[in-house]
Amino acid sequence: MSPVTERGRTPPSLDAVFAVLSERYCRYVLYYFVQRDVDAASVDELEEAVRLIETCLDSAAGLETGELTETLVGESLPKLERTGAVEFDTHSETIRYCREPRLEEYAAHAAYQELGSAAYGRRSD
């Protein structure tokens, strides 16, 4: 029998966790929620956070603003929603973070590996 989360859902499989973490923008969205320890964000806030991560990583491969918004809304957020990590209200463009412990644990580890300890630390504010 599969374990059930406090919301009554089955946690995502390891395959689902790694599939989501293999997608750059899905990973960056998770980094935002795990690092900031917040439960909701707007598409604009997530886009700003993704840009900041790309700057931190000195990534020249970032998408233009319209393309990034389209990728987040059309690809990344639906993938995260399918794993149970977020709920996306398209009308208000609000993303609610659902705290899946298994996904959060691996996302925190990936963030530490990708961003390093100086760039990735829990905020205290």
N, C-alpha and C. Protein backbone atom coordinates (compact mmCIF):
# COMPACT_ATOMS: atom_id res chain seq x y z
N MET A 1 0.85 -1.18 0.00
CA MET A 1 0.00 0.00 0.00
C MET A 1 0.89 1.24 0.00
N SER A 2 0.56 2.24 -0.82
CA SER A 2 1.34 3.48 -0.93
C SER A 2 1.07 4.38 0.26
N PRO A 3 2.11 5.09 0.74
CA PRO A 3 1.89 6.04 1.81
C PRO A 3 1.02 7.18 1.31
N VAL A 4 0.31 7.82 2.23
CA VAL A 4 -0.58 8.91 1.87
C VAL A 4 -0.13 10.16 2.61
N THR A 5 -0.14 11.30 1.92
CA THR A 5 0.26 12.55 2.55
C THR A 5 -0.86 13.06 3.44
N GLU A 6 -0.57 14.13 4.18
CA GLU A 6 -1.58 14.68 5.07
C GLU A 6 -2.77 15.24 4.30
N ARG A 7 -2.62 15.52 3.03
CA ARG A 7 -3.74 16.00 2.21
C ARG A 7 -4.52 14.82 1.61
N GLY A 8 -4.15 13.61 1.96
CA GLY A 8 -4.85 12.45 1.45
C GLY A 8 -4.39 12.02 0.07
N ARG A 9 -3.27 12.55 -0.39
CA ARG A 9 -2.73 12.18 -1.71
C ARG A 9 -1.58 11.22 -1.56
N THR A 10 -1.37 10.44 -2.58
CA THR A 10 -0.20 9.58 -2.64
C THR A 10 0.97 10.44 -3.07
N PRO A 11 2.11 10.36 -2.39
CA PRO A 11 3.25 11.17 -2.80
C PRO A 11 3.73 10.78 -4.19
N PRO A 12 4.36 11.71 -4.90
CA PRO A 12 4.84 11.37 -6.24
C PRO A 12 5.91 10.29 -6.17
N SER A 13 5.97 9.47 -7.20
CA SER A 13 6.99 8.44 -7.28
C SER A 13 8.35 9.09 -7.48
N LEU A 14 9.41 8.35 -7.23
CA LEU A 14 10.75 8.88 -7.46
C LEU A 14 10.95 9.21 -8.94
N ASP A 15 10.35 8.41 -9.82
CA ASP A 15 10.43 8.72 -11.26
C ASP A 15 9.82 10.08 -11.55
N ALA A 16 8.66 10.35 -10.95
CA ALA A 16 7.99 11.65 -11.16
C ALA A 16 8.82 12.79 -10.58
N VAL A 17 9.40 12.57 -9.40
CA VAL A 17 10.24 13.58 -8.75
C VAL A 17 11.42 13.92 -9.65
N PHE A 18 12.12 12.90 -10.13
CA PHE A 18 13.30 13.15 -10.95
C PHE A 18 12.94 13.71 -12.32
N ALA A 19 11.79 13.33 -12.85
CA ALA A 19 11.34 13.89 -14.13
C ALA A 19 11.10 15.39 -14.00
N VAL A 20 10.47 15.80 -12.91
CA VAL A 20 10.22 17.22 -12.68
C VAL A 20 11.53 17.96 -12.45
N LEU A 21 12.41 17.39 -11.63
CA LEU A 21 13.67 18.06 -11.34
C LEU A 21 14.60 18.11 -12.55
N SER A 22 14.37 17.27 -13.53
CA SER A 22 15.20 17.31 -14.74
C SER A 22 14.82 18.48 -15.64
N GLU A 23 13.67 19.07 -15.41
CA GLU A 23 13.21 20.23 -16.18
C GLU A 23 13.67 21.51 -15.47
N ARG A 24 14.50 22.28 -16.14
CA ARG A 24 15.13 23.46 -15.53
C ARG A 24 14.13 24.40 -14.86
N TYR A 25 13.07 24.81 -15.57
CA TYR A 25 12.17 25.80 -14.99
C TYR A 25 11.28 25.21 -13.90
N CYS A 26 10.95 23.94 -13.99
CA CYS A 26 10.24 23.29 -12.88
C CYS A 26 11.13 23.32 -11.64
N ARG A 27 12.38 22.99 -11.84
CA ARG A 27 13.35 22.96 -10.74
C ARG A 27 13.47 24.35 -10.12
N TYR A 28 13.58 25.38 -10.94
CA TYR A 28 13.74 26.74 -10.43
C TYR A 28 12.50 27.21 -9.65
N VAL A 29 11.32 26.83 -10.12
CA VAL A 29 10.10 27.17 -9.38
C VAL A 29 10.12 26.50 -8.01
N LEU A 30 10.52 25.25 -7.97
CA LEU A 30 10.61 24.56 -6.68
C LEU A 30 11.66 25.21 -5.78
N TYR A 31 12.79 25.61 -6.36
CA TYR A 31 13.82 26.29 -5.57
C TYR A 31 13.23 27.52 -4.90
N TYR A 32 12.43 28.27 -5.65
CA TYR A 32 11.82 29.49 -5.11
C TYR A 32 10.98 29.16 -3.88
N PHE A 33 10.10 28.19 -4.00
CA PHE A 33 9.21 27.87 -2.88
C PHE A 33 9.97 27.28 -1.70
N VAL A 34 10.91 26.42 -1.95
CA VAL A 34 11.66 25.80 -0.85
C VAL A 34 12.55 26.84 -0.16
N GLN A 35 13.23 27.66 -0.93
CA GLN A 35 14.13 28.65 -0.35
C GLN A 35 13.37 29.72 0.43
N ARG A 36 12.32 30.22 -0.13
CA ARG A 36 11.57 31.32 0.49
C ARG A 36 10.62 30.85 1.58
N ASP A 37 10.31 29.57 1.59
CA ASP A 37 9.38 29.02 2.56
C ASP A 37 8.05 29.77 2.53
N VAL A 38 7.52 29.97 1.30
CA VAL A 38 6.23 30.62 1.10
C VAL A 38 5.26 29.61 0.51
N ASP A 39 3.98 29.93 0.62
CA ASP A 39 2.95 29.01 0.15
C ASP A 39 2.27 29.44 -1.14
N ALA A 40 2.55 30.66 -1.61
CA ALA A 40 1.91 31.13 -2.83
C ALA A 40 2.77 32.18 -3.50
N ALA A 41 2.58 32.31 -4.81
CA ALA A 41 3.31 33.31 -5.59
C ALA A 41 2.53 33.60 -6.86
N SER A 42 2.83 34.73 -7.45
CA SER A 42 2.24 35.07 -8.74
C SER A 42 3.18 34.61 -9.85
N VAL A 43 2.68 34.57 -11.05
CA VAL A 43 3.52 34.22 -12.20
C VAL A 43 4.66 35.23 -12.30
N ASP A 44 4.37 36.51 -12.08
CA ASP A 44 5.41 37.54 -12.14
C ASP A 44 6.51 37.31 -11.11
N GLU A 45 6.12 36.92 -9.89
CA GLU A 45 7.12 36.64 -8.85
C GLU A 45 7.99 35.45 -9.24
N LEU A 46 7.37 34.42 -9.79
CA LEU A 46 8.15 33.25 -10.20
C LEU A 46 9.08 33.59 -11.36
N GLU A 47 8.59 34.40 -12.29
CA GLU A 47 9.44 34.80 -13.41
C GLU A 47 10.65 35.59 -12.90
N GLU A 48 10.43 36.48 -11.96
CA GLU A 48 11.53 37.25 -11.38
C GLU A 48 12.52 36.33 -10.66
N ALA A 49 12.00 35.36 -9.94
CA ALA A 49 12.86 34.42 -9.21
C ALA A 49 13.69 33.57 -10.19
N VAL A 50 13.07 33.14 -11.28
CA VAL A 50 13.79 32.36 -12.29
C VAL A 50 14.91 33.20 -12.89
N ARG A 51 14.63 34.44 -13.18
CA ARG A 51 15.66 35.34 -13.73
C ARG A 51 16.83 35.49 -12.74
N LEU A 52 16.51 35.61 -11.47
CA LEU A 52 17.54 35.75 -10.45
C LEU A 52 18.41 34.49 -10.38
N ILE A 53 17.79 33.34 -10.45
CA ILE A 53 18.54 32.09 -10.44
C ILE A 53 19.43 32.00 -11.67
N GLU A 54 18.89 32.36 -12.83
CA GLU A 54 19.69 32.32 -14.05
C GLU A 54 20.88 33.27 -13.95
N THR A 55 20.67 34.44 -13.34
CA THR A 55 21.76 35.39 -13.13
C THR A 55 22.81 34.80 -12.19
N CYS A 56 22.34 34.17 -11.12
CA CYS A 56 23.24 33.53 -10.16
C CYS A 56 24.09 32.46 -10.84
N LEU A 57 23.48 31.74 -11.76
CA LEU A 57 24.18 30.68 -12.47
C LEU A 57 24.93 31.20 -13.69
N ASP A 58 24.81 32.51 -13.95
CA ASP A 58 25.45 33.13 -15.09
C ASP A 58 25.03 32.44 -16.38
N SER A 59 23.73 32.16 -16.45
CA SER A 59 23.19 31.44 -17.60
C SER A 59 22.84 32.40 -18.72
N ALA A 60 23.49 32.24 -19.84
CA ALA A 60 23.19 33.07 -21.01
C ALA A 60 22.06 32.44 -21.83
N ALA A 61 21.59 31.29 -21.42
CA ALA A 61 20.59 30.56 -22.20
C ALA A 61 19.17 30.86 -21.77
N GLY A 62 18.96 31.93 -21.00
CA GLY A 62 17.62 32.26 -20.53
C GLY A 62 16.70 32.69 -21.65
N LEU A 63 15.41 32.51 -21.43
CA LEU A 63 14.40 32.88 -22.41
C LEU A 63 14.05 34.36 -22.28
N GLU A 64 13.55 34.93 -23.36
CA GLU A 64 13.02 36.29 -23.31
C GLU A 64 11.80 36.30 -22.39
N THR A 65 11.41 37.48 -21.91
CA THR A 65 10.33 37.59 -20.94
C THR A 65 9.04 36.91 -21.40
N GLY A 66 8.56 37.19 -22.58
CA GLY A 66 7.33 36.57 -23.06
C GLY A 66 7.46 35.06 -23.19
N GLU A 67 8.61 34.62 -23.66
CA GLU A 67 8.84 33.18 -23.81
C GLU A 67 8.92 32.50 -22.45
N LEU A 68 9.53 33.15 -21.47
CA LEU A 68 9.63 32.56 -20.14
C LEU A 68 8.25 32.43 -19.52
N THR A 69 7.44 33.47 -19.61
CA THR A 69 6.08 33.41 -19.08
C THR A 69 5.31 32.28 -19.74
N GLU A 70 5.41 32.19 -21.05
CA GLU A 70 4.73 31.14 -21.80
C GLU A 70 5.20 29.75 -21.38
N THR A 71 6.50 29.59 -21.17
CA THR A 71 7.05 28.31 -20.74
C THR A 71 6.58 27.95 -19.34
N LEU A 72 6.62 28.92 -18.43
CA LEU A 72 6.17 28.66 -17.06
C LEU A 72 4.70 28.26 -17.05
N VAL A 73 3.85 29.07 -17.69
CA VAL A 73 2.41 28.84 -17.67
C VAL A 73 2.00 27.63 -18.51
N GLY A 74 2.64 27.45 -19.65
CA GLY A 74 2.22 26.39 -20.56
C GLY A 74 2.87 25.04 -20.34
N GLU A 75 4.05 25.02 -19.70
CA GLU A 75 4.77 23.75 -19.54
C GLU A 75 5.12 23.43 -18.09
N SER A 76 5.87 24.32 -17.46
CA SER A 76 6.41 24.02 -16.13
C SER A 76 5.34 23.89 -15.05
N LEU A 77 4.45 24.86 -14.96
CA LEU A 77 3.43 24.80 -13.91
C LEU A 77 2.49 23.60 -14.10
N PRO A 78 2.06 23.28 -15.33
CA PRO A 78 1.24 22.06 -15.47
C PRO A 78 1.98 20.78 -15.05
N LYS A 79 3.28 20.70 -15.34
CA LYS A 79 4.05 19.52 -14.90
C LYS A 79 4.09 19.46 -13.38
N LEU A 80 4.33 20.59 -12.75
CA LEU A 80 4.37 20.62 -11.29
C LEU A 80 3.00 20.32 -10.70
N GLU A 81 1.97 20.77 -11.37
CA GLU A 81 0.61 20.50 -10.90
C GLU A 81 0.30 19.00 -10.96
N ARG A 82 0.75 18.34 -12.02
CA ARG A 82 0.51 16.90 -12.15
C ARG A 82 1.20 16.09 -11.05
N THR A 83 2.31 16.59 -10.51
CA THR A 83 2.99 15.88 -9.42
C THR A 83 2.39 16.21 -8.06
N GLY A 84 1.49 17.19 -8.03
CA GLY A 84 0.88 17.60 -6.76
C GLY A 84 1.69 18.64 -6.02
N ALA A 85 2.72 19.19 -6.66
CA ALA A 85 3.58 20.18 -6.00
C ALA A 85 2.94 21.55 -5.93
N VAL A 86 2.13 21.90 -6.93
CA VAL A 86 1.49 23.21 -6.94
C VAL A 86 0.06 23.08 -7.44
N GLU A 87 -0.71 24.12 -7.16
CA GLU A 87 -2.03 24.30 -7.75
C GLU A 87 -1.98 25.67 -8.42
N PHE A 88 -2.35 25.73 -9.69
CA PHE A 88 -2.24 26.97 -10.46
C PHE A 88 -3.63 27.46 -10.83
N ASP A 89 -3.98 28.65 -10.34
CA ASP A 89 -5.23 29.31 -10.68
C ASP A 89 -4.96 30.22 -11.87
N THR A 90 -5.42 29.81 -13.04
CA THR A 90 -5.11 30.56 -14.26
C THR A 90 -5.79 31.92 -14.29
N HIS A 91 -6.92 32.07 -13.62
CA HIS A 91 -7.62 33.36 -13.63
C HIS A 91 -6.86 34.42 -12.85
N SER A 92 -6.39 34.08 -11.67
CA SER A 92 -5.66 35.05 -10.85
C SER A 92 -4.15 34.97 -11.08
N GLU A 93 -3.72 33.97 -11.85
CA GLU A 93 -2.31 33.70 -12.09
C GLU A 93 -1.54 33.55 -10.77
N THR A 94 -2.17 32.83 -9.84
CA THR A 94 -1.58 32.56 -8.55
C THR A 94 -1.24 31.08 -8.46
N ILE A 95 -0.05 30.83 -7.95
CA ILE A 95 0.42 29.46 -7.79
C ILE A 95 0.50 29.18 -6.30
N ARG A 96 -0.18 28.14 -5.87
CA ARG A 96 -0.13 27.74 -4.46
C ARG A 96 0.77 26.52 -4.35
N TYR A 97 1.73 26.61 -3.47
CA TYR A 97 2.68 25.52 -3.23
C TYR A 97 2.06 24.52 -2.27
N CYS A 98 2.11 23.24 -2.62
CA CYS A 98 1.42 22.21 -1.84
C CYS A 98 2.31 21.37 -0.93
N ARG A 99 3.58 21.64 -0.89
CA ARG A 99 4.51 20.97 0.02
C ARG A 99 4.42 19.44 -0.02
N GLU A 100 5.00 18.88 -1.02
CA GLU A 100 5.15 17.44 -1.11
C GLU A 100 6.52 17.12 -0.52
N PRO A 101 6.60 16.51 0.67
CA PRO A 101 7.88 16.31 1.35
C PRO A 101 8.95 15.61 0.51
N ARG A 102 8.57 14.59 -0.23
CA ARG A 102 9.56 13.86 -1.03
C ARG A 102 10.15 14.79 -2.10
N LEU A 103 9.31 15.51 -2.78
CA LEU A 103 9.76 16.43 -3.82
C LEU A 103 10.57 17.57 -3.22
N GLU A 104 10.12 18.08 -2.09
CA GLU A 104 10.82 19.18 -1.42
C GLU A 104 12.23 18.76 -0.98
N GLU A 105 12.36 17.55 -0.47
CA GLU A 105 13.67 17.07 -0.03
C GLU A 105 14.66 17.00 -1.19
N TYR A 106 14.22 16.42 -2.30
CA TYR A 106 15.12 16.32 -3.46
C TYR A 106 15.36 17.68 -4.11
N ALA A 107 14.37 18.55 -4.10
CA ALA A 107 14.55 19.89 -4.67
C ALA A 107 15.55 20.69 -3.83
N ALA A 108 15.47 20.57 -2.52
CA ALA A 108 16.42 21.27 -1.65
C ALA A 108 17.85 20.77 -1.90
N HIS A 109 17.99 19.47 -2.06
CA HIS A 109 19.32 18.92 -2.33
C HIS A 109 19.83 19.38 -3.70
N ALA A 110 18.96 19.36 -4.70
CA ALA A 110 19.35 19.80 -6.05
C ALA A 110 19.74 21.28 -6.03
N ALA A 111 19.00 22.09 -5.29
CA ALA A 111 19.31 23.52 -5.20
C ALA A 111 20.67 23.73 -4.57
N TYR A 112 20.94 23.00 -3.54
CA TYR A 112 22.25 23.12 -2.88
C TYR A 112 23.36 22.73 -3.85
N GLN A 113 23.15 21.66 -4.60
CA GLN A 113 24.16 21.21 -5.55
C GLN A 113 24.33 22.19 -6.71
N GLU A 114 23.22 22.72 -7.20
CA GLU A 114 23.27 23.59 -8.37
C GLU A 114 23.65 25.03 -8.03
N LEU A 115 23.15 25.53 -6.91
CA LEU A 115 23.36 26.94 -6.57
C LEU A 115 24.44 27.16 -5.53
N GLY A 116 24.80 26.11 -4.80
CA GLY A 116 25.82 26.24 -3.77
C GLY A 116 25.26 26.80 -2.48
N SER A 117 26.01 26.65 -1.42
CA SER A 117 25.53 27.06 -0.10
C SER A 117 25.39 28.57 0.04
N ALA A 118 26.22 29.35 -0.64
CA ALA A 118 26.12 30.81 -0.52
C ALA A 118 24.85 31.33 -1.19
N ALA A 119 24.50 30.74 -2.33
CA ALA A 119 23.32 31.20 -3.06
C ALA A 119 22.05 30.54 -2.57
N TYR A 120 22.18 29.42 -1.90
CA TYR A 120 21.00 28.71 -1.44
C TYR A 120 21.05 28.50 0.05
N GLY A 121 20.35 29.33 0.76
CA GLY A 121 20.22 29.18 2.20
C GLY A 121 18.83 29.61 2.58
N ARG A 122 18.28 29.02 3.57
CA ARG A 122 16.93 29.42 4.00
C ARG A 122 16.95 30.84 4.49
N ARG A 123 15.97 31.58 4.05
CA ARG A 123 15.84 32.98 4.48
C ARG A 123 15.23 33.00 5.87
N SER A 124 15.62 33.97 6.64
CA SER A 124 15.08 34.04 8.00
C SER A 124 14.04 35.13 8.16
N ASP A 125 13.71 35.86 7.09
CA ASP A 125 12.72 36.94 7.21
C ASP A 125 11.32 36.48 6.95
